[in-house]
Amino acid sequence: MNRCNYKVDRISQLPEPIIHHILSFLHTEDAVCTSILSKRWRCMWCTFPVFDFQLDEYSYLAKHGIKDCQAEASKDEFLSFVEESLNRRLLHKFSIHKFRMLMGFSNLEHLTPWMDRWLAIIIGRNVKELDLDVHLGRHNGVYSVPPFVLGAKSITVLKLSRCNLNLTLAAGIIKFSQLRELHLGKMYIDQWMMQTFTSSCPLIEILELSLCIGLDCLCLPSSLLQLNKVVLRDCHRLKTVQIEVPNLVDYFFQNSSVITWKINMIACDKSLLDYFIQNSSHITCKINMVACGKSLRKLSLLIDTLTEEEFQSLMSVTPNVEFLELRYLKRFSRLKISSQKLKRLVLKDCKKSLVTEIDTPNLLSVEHTCYMRYLCFNYINTSHLREVYLEFELASHDIVWFTKLKDFLTSFPYSKNFRAVVVCSKNVSIHEKLREFFVPPLYNLKDLNPRIIISSRAFTEVLDRIFYACRHDTLSLISTCSCSKDLELLYHTIVEQEENIECCGLVRKNWRHFLSGFEIENLEGTKEKRTSPWRDFLKSYSSVPYQVVALRLEWKCLNIEWKASRVMF
């Protein structure tokens, strides 16, 4: 009897709510493509309760050949297109789970009645997640969220960016009784506004304020029993943070004067911008976490004004922190961390003169990167290390220091998964095992100041890190076993990326889109290349049992395309 191998479509047999949940993880472009699979999938898309509009007026008009962008007829055509797209999806009477709109427009007065009408429609459909980002340009005003939005009882997640909250007009009507997440970005919000929100949202679990102005004091009362995560990102006038919530688990605070110029070009008018440039770098923020210290498990402090005394005070009231991230530390001369509970430590952009002592016997993961490319660990006590990511410049360290570092890292059982990467000008070598890495030959490259990466991450993640910022000409794989597995993985990466472009027309580009192929090089090369320092370094591994595969990489695009694509990566 002949047996036929039929491929069963199990996904299509799933209940509609489950398929909708799966589609919610896809980009809109990919989700739309599923409507051509079958009649059932076409109906599935029509009833998909997630609306994701990312629209820009000028891009739309340019695409359709409309040259007079300032004409009212042109603006009406664009807004009508948005409304028609919305109405087509609303033909079926169903509740909206998520509505996300990233809108770029040039005229506030023209846009406001349309936006108000769209929001009224989706609020009437009991939307649960509302995400608005309305970009009108620096001198075109700010869109004001209508009061009826603040009275929507169905909303559980609210994300607003570059909007205005008329809380004075909406006083007493905020009814976010079901709100679980509140995200506010690039907008004005003061202490009274925050008190209004916190008193009206008893079930809130996540609070995020990003690039906001106007807030100088933030107090989170003990009545917020469900609040477990707070993110404060570059709110530069913030001077005091008082956290009294009893169940906070995750606290992220970033406030660096390095980013001030960039963010306030977006957030403020010119007079306010000048004020921030002059004053933000001198503002220090006092953080009081005594009430929530014992519940805290994750602490991120990205603050260039933080002092050693303030840090030690915070650590003394947060004894159960398992994840600690620190950045900048400009006012530190010594960093001392002693914890029995800490499992993961991340240090970034620390100054070269910093003396670091880490006494964390249960530490499992450590990451250290910095602009100075100087690895500042003077002492580290741990016996369970499993994951590492260290990045530094070779010229900052002598051979004795590097040898000690290698011996220390390879003493752990999980060090068999640690790779070493050397990035030197346009050349890269990936050493499969740190244990098999030769330190002395590396110092023949010291005048070229190569960048060294020691990582436990997967091969593809290492490639993502290396090629994110630069196209390199060569990639060499070094191992005592066969390199065929990594070669095969690299090949499939190129093939799969090409297939994704053809099938989905993806616009988000990364290095994989630009790598067209590779060819294996002969290390002996021509007479002119035989004596290059890089080839001499690779030849130090030419003896058995090492296998060295040198690849010449072939790229598709011009540098200008590559730099533009990095924004989307």
Protein backbone atom coordinates (compact mmCIF):
# COMPACT_ATOMS: atom_id res chain seq x y z
CA MET A 1 0.00 0.00 0.00
CA ASN A 2 1.33 3.40 -0.98
CA ARG A 3 1.84 5.79 1.82
CA CYS A 4 1.63 9.50 1.17
CA ASN A 5 3.23 11.98 3.48
CA TYR A 6 0.66 14.69 4.04
CA LYS A 7 1.69 17.84 5.89
CA VAL A 8 -1.04 18.65 8.37
CA ASP A 9 -1.80 22.34 8.91
CA ARG A 10 -2.17 22.27 12.67
CA ILE A 11 -1.94 26.03 13.17
CA SER A 12 -5.08 26.73 11.14
CA GLN A 13 -6.96 24.29 13.34
CA LEU A 14 -6.26 26.33 16.46
CA PRO A 15 -9.05 28.43 18.01
CA GLU A 16 -9.31 31.96 16.68
CA PRO A 17 -8.24 33.71 19.93
CA ILE A 18 -5.01 31.70 19.99
CA ILE A 19 -4.21 32.56 16.36
CA HIS A 20 -4.91 36.23 17.12
CA HIS A 21 -2.48 35.99 20.02
CA ILE A 22 0.20 34.52 17.71
CA LEU A 23 -0.37 37.26 15.12
CA SER A 24 0.07 39.92 17.81
CA PHE A 25 3.78 39.06 17.96
CA LEU A 26 4.31 39.76 14.24
CA HIS A 27 5.01 43.04 12.53
CA THR A 28 1.96 44.41 10.75
CA GLU A 29 3.49 43.74 7.32
CA ASP A 30 3.96 40.06 8.19
CA ALA A 31 0.53 39.73 9.79
CA VAL A 32 -1.13 41.13 6.66
CA CYS A 33 0.64 38.51 4.52
CA THR A 34 -1.16 35.70 6.37
CA SER A 35 -4.48 36.81 4.83
CA ILE A 36 -3.52 35.19 1.49
CA LEU A 37 -3.06 31.72 2.98
CA SER A 38 -6.71 30.69 2.85
CA LYS A 39 -10.27 31.96 3.29
CA ARG A 40 -10.08 31.23 7.02
CA TRP A 41 -6.91 33.28 7.37
CA ARG A 42 -8.50 36.13 5.41
CA CYS A 43 -11.35 36.19 7.92
CA MET A 44 -8.80 35.87 10.71
CA TRP A 45 -7.08 39.08 9.59
CA CYS A 46 -10.37 40.95 9.26
CA THR A 47 -11.23 40.15 12.89
CA PHE A 48 -7.68 40.65 14.19
CA PRO A 49 -8.18 42.98 17.19
CA VAL A 50 -4.77 44.68 16.93
CA PHE A 51 -4.45 47.96 14.98
CA ASP A 52 -0.92 49.16 14.28
CA PHE A 53 -0.61 52.33 12.16
CA GLN A 54 2.86 53.75 11.48
CA LEU A 55 2.20 56.60 9.09
CA ASP A 56 4.02 59.73 7.98
CA GLU A 57 2.41 62.50 5.96
CA TYR A 58 5.42 63.38 3.80
CA SER A 59 6.31 59.75 3.07
CA TYR A 60 2.74 59.07 1.96
CA LEU A 61 2.55 62.14 -0.28
CA ALA A 62 5.95 61.43 -1.84
CA LYS A 63 4.99 57.81 -2.50
CA HIS A 64 1.83 58.92 -4.32
CA GLY A 65 3.58 61.68 -6.30
CA ILE A 66 1.88 64.60 -4.54
CA LYS A 67 4.26 67.57 -4.70
CA ASP A 68 2.25 70.33 -2.98
CA CYS A 69 2.57 68.98 0.58
CA GLN A 70 1.20 72.17 2.15
CA ALA A 71 -2.09 72.17 0.25
CA GLU A 72 -5.13 71.35 2.38
CA ALA A 73 -6.36 68.92 -0.25
CA SER A 74 -3.12 66.96 0.10
CA LYS A 75 -3.45 66.79 3.87
CA ASP A 76 -7.10 65.72 3.59
CA GLU A 77 -6.13 62.97 1.18
CA PHE A 78 -3.60 61.60 3.65
CA LEU A 79 -5.98 61.75 6.62
CA SER A 80 -8.77 60.20 4.54
CA PHE A 81 -6.44 57.33 3.69
CA VAL A 82 -5.86 56.71 7.41
CA GLU A 83 -9.57 56.87 8.20
CA GLU A 84 -10.49 54.52 5.35
CA SER A 85 -7.88 52.02 6.55
CA LEU A 86 -9.36 52.20 10.03
CA ASN A 87 -12.96 51.88 8.82
CA ARG A 88 -12.19 48.81 6.68
CA ARG A 89 -10.99 47.01 9.76
CA LEU A 90 -13.98 48.13 11.80
CA LEU A 91 -16.65 46.71 9.50
CA HIS A 92 -16.88 43.72 11.82
CA LYS A 93 -18.28 44.46 15.25
CA PHE A 94 -15.56 43.34 17.62
CA SER A 95 -13.70 44.83 20.55
CA ILE A 96 -10.25 46.27 19.95
CA HIS A 97 -7.49 44.75 22.01
CA LYS A 98 -4.66 47.09 20.97
CA PHE A 99 -4.53 50.37 19.04
CA ARG A 100 -1.10 51.79 18.18
CA MET A 101 -0.60 54.91 16.09
CA LEU A 102 2.75 56.49 15.26
CA MET A 103 1.73 59.57 13.30
CA GLY A 104 3.91 62.16 11.57
CA PHE A 105 1.99 65.29 10.52
CA SER A 106 2.72 68.98 9.96
CA ASN A 107 -0.48 70.81 10.98
CA LEU A 108 -1.93 70.43 14.48
CA GLU A 109 -5.17 72.31 13.78
CA HIS A 110 -5.86 70.18 10.74
CA LEU A 111 -5.07 66.91 12.48
CA THR A 112 -6.89 67.38 15.82
CA PRO A 113 -10.54 66.77 14.73
CA TRP A 114 -9.53 63.65 12.80
CA MET A 115 -7.50 62.23 15.71
CA ASP A 116 -10.31 62.98 18.17
CA ARG A 117 -12.78 61.14 15.95
CA TRP A 118 -10.53 58.08 15.58
CA LEU A 119 -9.95 57.90 19.33
CA ALA A 120 -13.68 58.19 20.02
CA ILE A 121 -14.29 55.20 17.75
CA ILE A 122 -11.68 52.96 19.35
CA ILE A 123 -12.66 53.98 22.90
CA GLY A 124 -16.21 52.97 21.97
CA ARG A 125 -14.84 49.55 21.01
CA ASN A 126 -13.45 49.05 24.56
CA VAL A 127 -9.79 49.22 23.58
CA LYS A 128 -7.48 47.65 26.15
CA GLU A 129 -4.05 48.88 24.98
CA LEU A 130 -3.67 52.41 23.63
CA ASP A 131 -0.33 53.62 22.22
CA LEU A 132 -0.10 57.13 20.70
CA ASP A 133 2.98 58.92 19.36
CA VAL A 134 2.07 62.08 17.43
CA HIS A 135 5.05 63.88 15.91
CA LEU A 136 4.19 67.35 14.63
CA GLY A 137 7.68 68.80 14.37
CA ARG A 138 9.44 71.24 16.67
CA HIS A 139 7.33 74.35 15.98
CA ASN A 140 3.94 72.87 15.08
CA GLY A 141 2.48 72.43 18.57
CA VAL A 142 1.53 69.34 20.57
CA TYR A 143 -1.55 67.17 20.19
CA SER A 144 -3.85 67.32 23.25
CA VAL A 145 -5.38 64.03 24.30
CA PRO A 146 -9.18 64.52 24.57
CA PRO A 147 -10.69 64.17 28.08
CA PHE A 148 -12.86 61.16 27.14
CA VAL A 149 -9.70 59.07 26.68
CA LEU A 150 -8.78 59.67 30.34
CA GLY A 151 -12.17 58.32 31.34
CA ALA A 152 -11.86 55.03 29.44
CA LYS A 153 -12.40 52.26 31.98
CA SER A 154 -11.38 49.50 29.57
CA ILE A 155 -7.76 50.63 29.11
CA THR A 156 -5.17 48.40 30.79
CA VAL A 157 -2.06 49.71 28.99
CA LEU A 158 -1.60 53.42 28.15
CA LYS A 159 1.42 54.69 26.19
CA LEU A 160 1.56 58.37 25.24
CA SER A 161 4.45 60.15 23.54
CA ARG A 162 4.72 63.77 22.33
CA CYS A 163 1.19 64.51 23.55
CA ASN A 164 -0.38 66.99 25.94
CA LEU A 165 -2.50 65.94 28.92
CA ASN A 166 -5.23 68.45 29.77
CA LEU A 167 -5.63 67.18 33.31
CA THR A 168 -6.92 70.56 34.50
CA LEU A 169 -9.86 70.18 32.12
CA ALA A 170 -10.21 66.49 32.93
CA ALA A 171 -9.94 66.79 36.71
CA GLY A 172 -12.11 64.22 38.44
CA ILE A 173 -12.89 62.19 35.31
CA ILE A 174 -9.79 59.94 35.22
CA LYS A 175 -11.20 56.46 35.63
CA PHE A 176 -8.34 54.10 34.78
CA SER A 177 -9.60 51.57 37.29
CA GLN A 178 -8.13 48.69 35.22
CA LEU A 179 -4.84 50.34 34.19
CA ARG A 180 -1.83 48.03 34.60
CA GLU A 181 0.84 49.90 32.63
CA LEU A 182 1.48 53.63 32.20
CA HIS A 183 4.20 54.84 29.79
CA LEU A 184 4.69 58.58 29.21
CA GLY A 185 7.44 59.89 26.91
CA LYS A 186 8.71 63.19 25.45
CA MET A 187 6.02 65.28 27.11
CA TYR A 188 5.39 67.71 29.93
CA ILE A 189 4.22 66.24 33.22
CA ASP A 190 4.46 67.76 36.68
CA GLN A 191 4.08 66.52 40.26
CA TRP A 192 0.34 67.24 40.42
CA MET A 193 -0.28 65.26 37.23
CA MET A 194 1.59 62.26 38.63
CA GLN A 195 -0.37 62.42 41.88
CA THR A 196 -3.57 62.48 39.83
CA PHE A 197 -2.53 59.36 37.94
CA THR A 198 -1.27 57.40 40.94
CA SER A 199 -4.39 58.13 42.97
CA SER A 200 -6.63 57.05 40.06
CA CYS A 201 -4.75 53.87 39.09
CA PRO A 202 -4.69 51.56 42.12
CA LEU A 203 -3.84 48.45 40.05
CA ILE A 204 -0.88 49.87 38.16
CA GLU A 205 2.03 47.40 37.84
CA ILE A 206 4.48 49.21 35.52
CA LEU A 207 5.30 52.92 35.44
CA GLU A 208 7.65 54.41 32.85
CA LEU A 209 8.56 58.07 32.36
CA SER A 210 10.95 58.73 29.49
CA LEU A 211 12.39 62.06 28.31
CA CYS A 212 9.72 63.97 30.25
CA ILE A 213 10.09 67.56 31.45
CA GLY A 214 8.46 69.49 34.30
CA LEU A 215 8.76 66.87 37.05
CA ASP A 216 11.12 67.76 39.90
CA CYS A 217 9.77 65.42 42.58
CA LEU A 218 8.25 61.96 42.21
CA CYS A 219 6.56 60.24 45.13
CA LEU A 220 5.07 56.78 44.69
CA PRO A 221 2.83 56.05 47.71
CA SER A 222 2.45 52.78 49.59
CA SER A 223 -1.13 52.47 48.30
CA LEU A 224 0.24 51.21 44.95
CA LEU A 225 0.39 47.60 46.13
CA GLN A 226 0.67 46.11 42.61
CA LEU A 227 3.45 48.37 41.35
CA ASN A 228 6.49 46.16 40.68
CA LYS A 229 8.47 48.01 37.98
CA VAL A 230 9.51 51.68 37.71
CA VAL A 231 11.50 53.10 34.78
CA LEU A 232 12.71 56.72 34.90
CA ARG A 233 14.69 57.64 31.81
CA ASP A 234 16.28 61.07 31.36
CA CYS A 235 13.78 63.22 33.23
CA HIS A 236 16.43 65.87 33.79
CA ARG A 237 14.74 68.19 36.28
CA LEU A 238 13.99 65.34 38.63
CA LYS A 239 15.65 66.07 41.98
CA THR A 240 13.89 63.67 44.36
CA VAL A 241 12.50 60.16 43.99
CA GLN A 242 10.59 58.81 46.99
CA ILE A 243 9.45 55.20 46.54
CA GLU A 244 7.22 53.84 49.28
CA VAL A 245 5.59 50.98 47.36
CA PRO A 246 6.10 47.71 49.27
CA ASN A 247 6.42 45.26 46.35
CA LEU A 248 8.78 46.93 43.87
CA VAL A 249 10.92 44.35 42.06
CA ASP A 250 12.56 46.26 39.18
CA TYR A 251 13.89 49.85 39.31
CA PHE A 252 15.61 51.50 36.32
CA PHE A 253 16.94 55.05 36.61
CA GLN A 254 18.85 56.84 33.85
CA ASN A 255 19.87 60.47 34.03
CA SER A 256 22.93 61.45 32.04
CA SER A 257 23.90 64.91 30.87
CA VAL A 258 25.51 63.22 27.85
CA ILE A 259 22.06 62.70 26.34
CA THR A 260 20.60 66.08 27.30
CA TRP A 261 21.23 67.83 23.99
CA LYS A 262 19.70 65.03 21.92
CA ILE A 263 16.50 64.56 23.85
CA ASN A 264 15.60 68.18 24.40
CA MET A 265 15.86 68.99 20.71
CA ILE A 266 12.73 66.83 20.51
CA ALA A 267 11.03 67.60 23.77
CA CYS A 268 11.33 71.36 24.18
CA ASP A 269 11.17 74.70 22.48
CA LYS A 270 14.43 76.66 22.12
CA SER A 271 14.20 78.68 25.34
CA LEU A 272 13.59 75.56 27.40
CA LEU A 273 16.32 73.73 25.50
CA ASP A 274 18.87 76.38 26.49
CA TYR A 275 17.77 76.08 30.11
CA PHE A 276 18.36 72.34 30.15
CA ILE A 277 21.78 72.52 28.49
CA GLN A 278 22.95 74.97 31.16
CA ASN A 279 21.46 73.29 34.18
CA SER A 280 20.80 69.58 33.71
CA SER A 281 24.38 68.42 34.21
CA HIS A 282 24.43 70.05 37.66
CA ILE A 283 21.19 68.50 38.93
CA THR A 284 21.61 65.54 41.25
CA CYS A 285 18.71 63.29 42.13
CA LYS A 286 18.18 61.92 45.62
CA ILE A 287 16.66 58.44 45.66
CA ASN A 288 14.93 57.05 48.74
CA MET A 289 14.13 53.34 48.52
CA VAL A 290 14.08 52.34 52.17
CA ALA A 291 10.45 51.20 52.07
CA CYS A 292 10.86 48.91 49.04
CA GLY A 293 14.48 47.85 49.46
CA LYS A 294 13.91 44.28 50.60
CA SER A 295 11.56 43.43 47.74
CA LEU A 296 13.86 44.81 45.02
CA ARG A 297 15.53 42.21 42.77
CA LYS A 298 16.68 44.27 39.76
CA LEU A 299 18.45 47.64 40.04
CA SER A 300 19.76 49.72 37.11
CA LEU A 301 21.52 53.02 37.81
CA LEU A 302 22.72 54.88 34.71
CA ILE A 303 23.66 58.16 36.39
CA ASP A 304 26.76 60.28 35.84
CA THR A 305 26.14 62.30 39.03
CA LEU A 306 25.91 59.30 41.37
CA THR A 307 28.48 59.34 44.18
CA GLU A 308 30.12 56.43 46.00
CA GLU A 309 28.32 57.33 49.24
CA GLU A 310 24.91 57.41 47.53
CA PHE A 311 25.56 54.06 45.87
CA GLN A 312 26.64 52.37 49.09
CA SER A 313 23.59 53.81 50.84
CA LEU A 314 21.30 52.33 48.18
CA MET A 315 23.03 48.95 48.32
CA SER A 316 22.68 48.83 52.10
CA VAL A 317 18.87 49.05 51.87
CA THR A 318 18.57 46.66 48.89
CA PRO A 319 20.25 43.47 50.14
CA ASN A 320 18.29 41.09 47.85
CA VAL A 321 19.23 42.57 44.48
CA GLU A 322 20.07 39.82 41.98
CA PHE A 323 20.65 41.99 38.89
CA LEU A 324 22.75 45.16 39.10
CA GLU A 325 23.54 47.48 36.19
CA LEU A 326 25.80 50.51 36.59
CA ARG A 327 26.85 53.05 33.99
CA TYR A 328 29.09 56.15 33.80
CA LEU A 329 30.13 56.42 37.51
CA LYS A 330 32.06 59.62 36.75
CA ARG A 331 32.29 60.60 40.43
CA PHE A 332 33.65 57.23 41.54
CA SER A 333 37.28 56.49 42.30
CA ARG A 334 36.50 53.09 43.82
CA LEU A 335 33.60 50.70 43.24
CA LYS A 336 33.06 48.08 45.90
CA ILE A 337 30.25 45.55 45.63
CA SER A 338 29.70 42.90 48.27
CA SER A 339 26.61 40.72 48.00
CA GLN A 340 25.60 37.13 48.63
CA LYS A 341 22.49 37.46 46.41
CA LEU A 342 23.88 39.15 43.31
CA LYS A 343 23.74 36.88 40.23
CA ARG A 344 24.27 39.24 37.31
CA LEU A 345 26.45 42.35 37.08
CA VAL A 346 26.62 44.81 34.16
CA LEU A 347 29.17 47.65 34.06
CA LYS A 348 29.32 50.09 31.13
CA ASP A 349 31.29 53.20 30.24
CA CYS A 350 33.27 53.36 33.47
CA LYS A 351 36.34 55.58 33.62
CA LYS A 352 39.80 54.11 33.32
CA SER A 353 41.00 55.04 36.82
CA LEU A 354 38.16 53.23 38.59
CA VAL A 355 39.31 50.66 41.16
CA THR A 356 36.80 47.81 41.28
CA GLU A 357 36.40 45.16 43.97
CA ILE A 358 33.65 42.57 43.43
CA ASP A 359 32.92 40.18 46.29
CA THR A 360 29.93 38.21 44.99
CA PRO A 361 30.39 34.45 45.54
CA ASN A 362 27.12 33.55 43.77
CA LEU A 363 27.62 35.70 40.68
CA LEU A 364 26.59 33.81 37.51
CA SER A 365 26.96 36.45 34.81
CA VAL A 366 29.17 39.49 34.27
CA GLU A 367 29.21 42.03 31.45
CA HIS A 368 31.69 44.86 31.13
CA THR A 369 31.95 47.27 28.19
CA CYS A 370 33.14 50.87 28.08
CA TYR A 371 34.08 53.67 25.69
CA MET A 372 37.55 53.78 27.20
CA ARG A 373 37.86 50.08 26.37
CA TYR A 374 39.56 49.51 29.72
CA LEU A 375 38.59 46.54 31.84
CA CYS A 376 38.62 47.86 35.40
CA PHE A 377 38.25 44.68 37.48
CA ASN A 378 40.95 44.77 40.17
CA TYR A 379 39.45 41.99 42.26
CA ILE A 380 36.53 39.65 41.70
CA ASN A 381 35.41 36.81 43.94
CA THR A 382 33.00 34.33 42.44
CA SER A 383 32.94 30.57 42.00
CA HIS A 384 29.86 29.98 39.84
CA LEU A 385 30.46 32.12 36.76
CA ARG A 386 28.56 30.84 33.70
CA GLU A 387 28.13 33.79 31.36
CA VAL A 388 30.57 36.54 30.42
CA TYR A 389 30.73 39.43 28.02
CA LEU A 390 33.90 41.51 28.32
CA GLU A 391 35.03 44.11 25.80
CA PHE A 392 38.23 46.15 25.98
CA GLU A 393 41.18 47.46 23.97
CA LEU A 394 44.40 45.51 24.02
CA ALA A 395 46.59 48.61 24.29
CA SER A 396 45.10 49.34 27.72
CA HIS A 397 46.49 46.13 29.27
CA ASP A 398 49.81 44.32 29.39
CA ILE A 399 50.41 40.66 28.63
CA VAL A 400 50.68 39.65 32.31
CA TRP A 401 47.26 41.12 33.09
CA PHE A 402 45.66 39.45 30.08
CA THR A 403 47.21 36.08 30.93
CA LYS A 404 45.84 36.29 34.48
CA LEU A 405 42.40 37.19 33.14
CA LYS A 406 42.41 34.21 30.80
CA ASP A 407 43.55 31.85 33.56
CA PHE A 408 40.85 33.19 35.88
CA LEU A 409 38.03 32.82 33.34
CA THR A 410 39.09 29.37 32.16
CA SER A 411 39.08 28.06 35.72
CA PHE A 412 35.28 27.83 35.68
CA PRO A 413 33.52 24.66 34.49
CA TYR A 414 31.36 26.62 32.02
CA SER A 415 34.37 28.29 30.40
CA LYS A 416 34.21 25.66 27.64
CA ASN A 417 31.50 27.94 26.18
CA PHE A 418 33.63 31.10 26.30
CA ARG A 419 34.81 32.48 22.95
CA ALA A 420 37.52 35.04 22.22
CA VAL A 421 37.14 37.60 19.45
CA VAL A 422 39.81 39.88 18.03
CA VAL A 423 38.66 42.91 16.02
CA CYS A 424 41.57 44.63 14.30
CA SER A 425 40.84 47.31 11.72
CA LYS A 426 38.86 45.54 8.95
CA ASN A 427 39.74 42.04 10.18
CA VAL A 428 38.00 39.79 12.70
CA SER A 429 38.94 36.44 14.18
CA ILE A 430 36.61 34.29 16.29
CA HIS A 431 38.33 31.73 18.50
CA GLU A 432 35.94 28.92 19.37
CA LYS A 433 37.54 28.24 22.77
CA LEU A 434 39.05 30.82 25.08
CA ARG A 435 41.14 28.02 26.59
CA GLU A 436 42.91 27.56 23.23
CA PHE A 437 43.54 31.25 22.69
CA PHE A 438 47.22 32.25 22.30
CA VAL A 439 47.99 35.42 24.25
CA PRO A 440 51.65 36.13 23.27
CA PRO A 441 51.11 36.32 19.44
CA LEU A 442 48.25 38.72 20.02
CA TYR A 443 50.63 41.35 21.41
CA ASN A 444 52.35 41.59 18.03
CA LEU A 445 49.20 43.50 17.06
CA LYS A 446 49.35 45.88 20.01
CA ASP A 447 50.40 48.87 17.87
CA LEU A 448 47.16 48.41 15.91
CA ASN A 449 45.22 48.46 19.20
CA PRO A 450 42.75 45.64 18.45
CA ARG A 451 39.49 45.31 20.34
CA ILE A 452 39.09 42.13 22.38
CA ILE A 453 35.77 40.48 23.16
CA ILE A 454 35.38 37.50 25.49
CA SER A 455 31.86 36.13 25.31
CA SER A 456 29.73 33.14 26.21
CA ARG A 457 27.04 34.22 23.74
CA ALA A 458 26.01 32.14 20.74
CA PHE A 459 27.89 32.41 17.44
CA THR A 460 25.11 34.42 15.75
CA GLU A 461 24.90 36.87 18.67
CA VAL A 462 28.64 37.43 18.48
CA LEU A 463 28.33 38.18 14.76
CA ASP A 464 25.49 40.64 15.47
CA ARG A 465 27.72 42.52 17.89
CA ILE A 466 30.73 42.59 15.55
CA PHE A 467 28.95 43.66 12.37
CA TYR A 468 26.46 46.06 13.94
CA ALA A 469 28.70 49.10 13.61
CA CYS A 470 31.11 48.19 10.82
CA ARG A 471 31.54 46.05 7.71
CA HIS A 472 34.73 44.05 8.07
CA ASP A 473 36.65 42.68 5.10
CA THR A 474 37.71 39.34 6.58
CA LEU A 475 36.37 36.89 9.14
CA SER A 476 38.57 34.06 10.42
CA LEU A 477 37.29 31.06 12.37
CA ILE A 478 39.80 29.30 14.62
CA SER A 479 39.14 26.03 16.41
CA THR A 480 40.72 22.71 17.34
CA CYS A 481 37.68 20.98 15.88
CA SER A 482 35.96 21.47 12.55
CA CYS A 483 34.69 24.96 11.67
CA SER A 484 32.08 23.49 9.31
CA LYS A 485 29.23 24.07 11.78
CA ASP A 486 29.88 27.81 11.99
CA LEU A 487 30.38 28.02 8.22
CA GLU A 488 27.08 26.28 7.64
CA LEU A 489 25.37 28.61 10.10
CA LEU A 490 26.83 31.64 8.33
CA TYR A 491 25.68 30.32 4.95
CA HIS A 492 22.13 29.64 6.15
CA THR A 493 22.03 33.11 7.69
CA ILE A 494 22.61 34.64 4.24
CA VAL A 495 20.15 32.34 2.45
CA GLU A 496 17.36 32.77 5.01
CA GLN A 497 17.75 36.56 4.97
CA GLU A 498 17.39 36.62 1.17
CA GLU A 499 14.26 34.49 1.40
CA ASN A 500 12.77 36.80 4.03
CA ILE A 501 13.37 39.83 1.80
CA GLU A 502 11.74 38.18 -1.21
CA CYS A 503 8.73 36.83 0.70
CA CYS A 504 7.94 39.66 3.08
CA GLY A 505 9.63 42.74 1.66
CA LEU A 506 11.06 43.62 5.06
CA VAL A 507 12.35 47.18 5.48
CA ARG A 508 14.21 46.67 8.76
CA LYS A 509 17.74 46.01 7.60
CA ASN A 510 20.75 44.70 9.46
CA TRP A 511 24.14 43.41 8.42
CA ARG A 512 22.66 40.16 7.08
CA HIS A 513 20.83 42.06 4.33
CA PHE A 514 24.11 43.47 3.03
CA LEU A 515 26.30 40.37 3.21
CA SER A 516 26.06 38.76 -0.23
CA GLY A 517 28.52 35.92 0.34
CA PHE A 518 32.03 34.86 1.30
CA GLU A 519 34.96 32.94 -0.11
CA ILE A 520 37.73 31.01 1.62
CA GLU A 521 41.13 32.66 1.39
CA ASN A 522 44.58 31.14 1.20
CA LEU A 523 46.53 32.34 4.22
CA GLU A 524 49.81 32.16 2.31
CA GLY A 525 48.43 34.74 -0.10
CA THR A 526 50.59 36.81 -2.41
CA LYS A 527 54.10 37.94 -1.57
CA GLU A 528 52.81 41.40 -0.69
CA LYS A 529 50.44 40.03 1.95
CA ARG A 530 52.51 37.27 3.49
CA THR A 531 54.19 39.50 6.05
CA SER A 532 51.19 41.51 7.27
CA PRO A 533 50.87 41.50 11.11
CA TRP A 534 47.32 40.12 10.87
CA ARG A 535 48.36 37.16 8.69
CA ASP A 536 51.29 36.46 10.99
CA PHE A 537 48.87 36.37 13.90
CA LEU A 538 46.61 33.87 12.11
CA LYS A 539 49.59 31.74 11.09
CA SER A 540 50.51 31.27 14.76
CA TYR A 541 47.56 28.85 14.79
CA SER A 542 48.67 26.99 11.66
CA SER A 543 50.06 24.01 13.56
CA VAL A 544 48.01 20.92 14.36
CA PRO A 545 45.47 20.57 15.97
CA TYR A 546 44.19 24.05 15.02
CA GLN A 547 42.01 24.67 12.00
CA VAL A 548 41.96 28.19 10.62
CA VAL A 549 39.38 29.18 8.02
CA ALA A 550 39.92 32.69 6.64
CA LEU A 551 36.94 34.17 4.81
CA ARG A 552 36.86 37.15 2.48
CA LEU A 553 33.44 38.78 2.98
CA GLU A 554 31.45 40.20 0.09
CA TRP A 555 29.09 43.11 0.76
CA LYS A 556 26.32 44.55 -1.37
CA CYS A 557 25.91 48.18 -0.54
CA LEU A 558 27.56 51.57 -0.25
CA ASN A 559 28.63 52.94 3.13
CA ILE A 560 25.87 55.54 3.13
CA GLU A 561 23.21 52.81 2.87
CA TRP A 562 24.88 50.86 5.66
CA LYS A 563 24.91 53.82 8.06
CA ALA A 564 21.29 54.62 7.33
CA SER A 565 20.25 51.05 8.02
CA ARG A 566 21.89 50.99 11.43
CA VAL A 567 19.12 53.23 12.76
CA MET A 568 16.61 50.44 12.15
CA PHE A 569 18.73 47.62 13.55
